[in-house]
C-alpha atoms as a PDB file:
ATOM      1  CA  MET A   1      -8.094  -1.934   2.327  1.00  0.00           C
ATOM      2  CA  THR A   2      -4.493  -3.072   2.488  1.00  0.00           C
ATOM      3  CA  ASP A   3      -4.702  -4.229  -1.134  1.00  0.00           C
ATOM      4  CA  ILE A   4      -6.080  -0.874  -2.261  1.00  0.00           C
ATOM      5  CA  LEU A   5      -3.265   0.874  -0.424  1.00  0.00           C
ATOM      6  CA  TRP A   6      -0.790  -1.446  -2.157  1.00  0.00           C
ATOM      7  CA  TRP A   7      -2.186  -0.715  -5.627  1.00  0.00           C
ATOM      8  CA  THR A   8      -2.420   3.036  -5.076  1.00  0.00           C
ATOM      9  CA  SER A   9       0.594   3.808  -2.867  1.00  0.00           C
ATOM     10  CA  GLN A  10       3.281   1.170  -3.268  1.00  0.00           C
ATOM     11  CA  ASP A  11       5.961   3.761  -2.619  1.00  0.00           C
ATOM     12  CA  LYS A  12       4.557   4.465   0.850  1.00  0.00           C
ATOM     13  CA  VAL A  13       4.278   0.758   1.588  1.00  0.00           C
ATOM     14  CA  PHE A  14       7.896   0.188   0.566  1.00  0.00           C
ATOM     15  CA  GLU A  15       8.981   3.138   2.737  1.00  0.00           C
ATOM     16  CA  GLU A  16       7.253   1.512   5.711  1.00  0.00           C
ATOM     17  CA  ILE A  17       8.756  -1.892   4.882  1.00  0.00           C
ATOM     18  CA  ALA A  18      12.198  -0.281   4.802  1.00  0.00           C
ATOM     19  CA  SER A  19      11.499   1.350   8.155  1.00  0.00           C
ATOM     20  CA  ILE A  20      10.431  -1.957   9.705  1.00  0.00           C
ATOM     21  CA  MET A  21      13.538  -3.653   8.322  1.00  0.00           C
ATOM     22  CA  GLY A  22      15.840  -0.822   9.382  1.00  0.00           C
ATOM     23  CA  LEU A  23      16.868  -0.104   5.797  1.00  0.00           C
ATOM     24  CA  ASP A  24      17.198   3.116   3.814  1.00  0.00           C
ATOM     25  CA  ARG A  25      14.916   1.727   1.114  1.00  0.00           C
ATOM     26  CA  ALA A  26      13.126  -1.433   0.070  1.00  0.00           C
ATOM     27  CA  ASP A  27      11.728  -2.750  -3.183  1.00  0.00           C
ATOM     28  CA  THR A  28      10.719  -6.052  -4.747  1.00  0.00           C
ATOM     29  CA  HIS A  29      14.369  -7.124  -4.759  1.00  0.00           C
ATOM     30  CA  THR A  30      14.683  -6.739  -0.985  1.00  0.00           C
ATOM     31  CA  ILE A  31      14.780 -10.167   0.620  1.00  0.00           C
ATOM     32  CA  GLY A  32      11.818 -10.646   2.935  1.00  0.00           C
ATOM     33  CA  TRP A  33       9.817  -7.634   1.723  1.00  0.00           C
ATOM     34  CA  PHE A  34       6.688  -9.592   0.830  1.00  0.00           C
ATOM     35  CA  THR A  35       6.171 -11.036   4.301  1.00  0.00           C
ATOM     36  CA  LEU A  36       6.053  -7.480   5.672  1.00  0.00           C
ATOM     37  CA  ARG A  37       3.708  -6.013   3.061  1.00  0.00           C
ATOM     38  CA  THR A  38       0.510  -6.474   5.073  1.00  0.00           C
ATOM     39  CA  LYS A  39       2.083  -5.323   8.343  1.00  0.00           C
ATOM     40  CA  ALA A  40       3.451  -2.213   6.648  1.00  0.00           C
ATOM     41  CA  SER A  41       0.076  -1.471   5.056  1.00  0.00           C
ATOM     42  CA  LYS A  42      -1.722  -1.862   8.373  1.00  0.00           C
ATOM     43  CA  ASN A  43       0.789   0.473  10.053  1.00  0.00           C
ATOM     44  CA  ILE A  44       0.107   3.092   7.400  1.00  0.00           C
ATOM     45  CA  ILE A  45      -3.664   2.733   7.709  1.00  0.00           C
ATOM     46  CA  LEU A  46      -3.505   2.960  11.503  1.00  0.00           C
ATOM     47  CA  ALA A  47      -1.553   6.222  11.207  1.00  0.00           C
ATOM     48  CA  MET A  48      -4.008   7.770   8.730  1.00  0.00           C
ATOM     49  CA  THR A  49      -6.406  10.531   9.640  1.00  0.00           C
ATOM     50  CA  GLU A  50     -10.114   9.908   9.191  1.00  0.00           C
ATOM     51  CA  ASP A  51     -10.024  12.029   6.022  1.00  0.00           C
ATOM     52  CA  GLU A  52      -7.177   9.957   4.579  1.00  0.00           C
ATOM     53  CA  LYS A  53      -9.057   6.747   5.395  1.00  0.00           C
ATOM     54  CA  LYS A  54     -12.145   8.144   3.651  1.00  0.00           C
ATOM     55  CA  VAL A  55     -10.087   8.804   0.507  1.00  0.00           C
ATOM     56  CA  LEU A  56      -8.787   5.226   0.618  1.00  0.00           C
ATOM     57  CA  GLU A  57     -12.321   3.878   1.114  1.00  0.00           C
ATOM     58  CA  ASP A  58     -13.529   5.951  -1.847  1.00  0.00           C
ATOM     59  CA  GLN A  59     -10.716   4.514  -3.988  1.00  0.00           C
ATOM     60  CA  SER A  60     -11.740   1.040  -2.841  1.00  0.00           C
ATOM     61  CA  ASP A  61     -15.361   1.662  -3.820  1.00  0.00           C
ATOM     62  CA  LEU A  62     -14.295   2.981  -7.218  1.00  0.00           C
ATOM     63  CA  MET A  63     -12.041   0.002  -7.889  1.00  0.00           C
ATOM     64  CA  GLU A  64     -14.817  -2.357  -6.840  1.00  0.00           C
ATOM     65  CA  LYS A  65     -17.092  -0.800  -9.460  1.00  0.00           C
ATOM     66  CA  GLU A  66     -14.588  -0.148 -12.259  1.00  0.00           C
ATOM     67  CA  GLY A  67     -11.773  -2.628 -11.606  1.00  0.00           C
ATOM     68  CA  LEU A  68      -8.104  -1.858 -11.216  1.00  0.00           C
ATOM     69  CA  PRO A  69      -6.741   1.230 -13.014  1.00  0.00           C
ATOM     70  CA  GLN A  70      -5.217   0.642 -16.452  1.00  0.00           C
ATOM     71  CA  ASP A  71      -1.649   1.220 -15.250  1.00  0.00           C
ATOM     72  CA  VAL A  72      -2.092  -1.471 -12.594  1.00  0.00           C
ATOM     73  CA  GLN A  73      -3.638  -3.924 -15.051  1.00  0.00           C
ATOM     74  CA  ARG A  74      -0.553  -3.634 -17.279  1.00  0.00           C
ATOM     75  CA  ARG A  75       1.823  -4.813 -14.533  1.00  0.00           C
END
């Protein structure tokens, strides 16, 4: 589910990465961001309500059937 979170909510993942690193913001130019991507995603998932997790699971099921959304495929 961490990959689905990454593809659907990168902004939230980067916010969590920034928090872990003690920065105001983080992006792909932030040194060391990638090594924290999974940890940040797991932190977000652990903090989710059951309803939020269900939405993420539904997105995962949809992507499994239909593939990644067009905007993600273009990246």
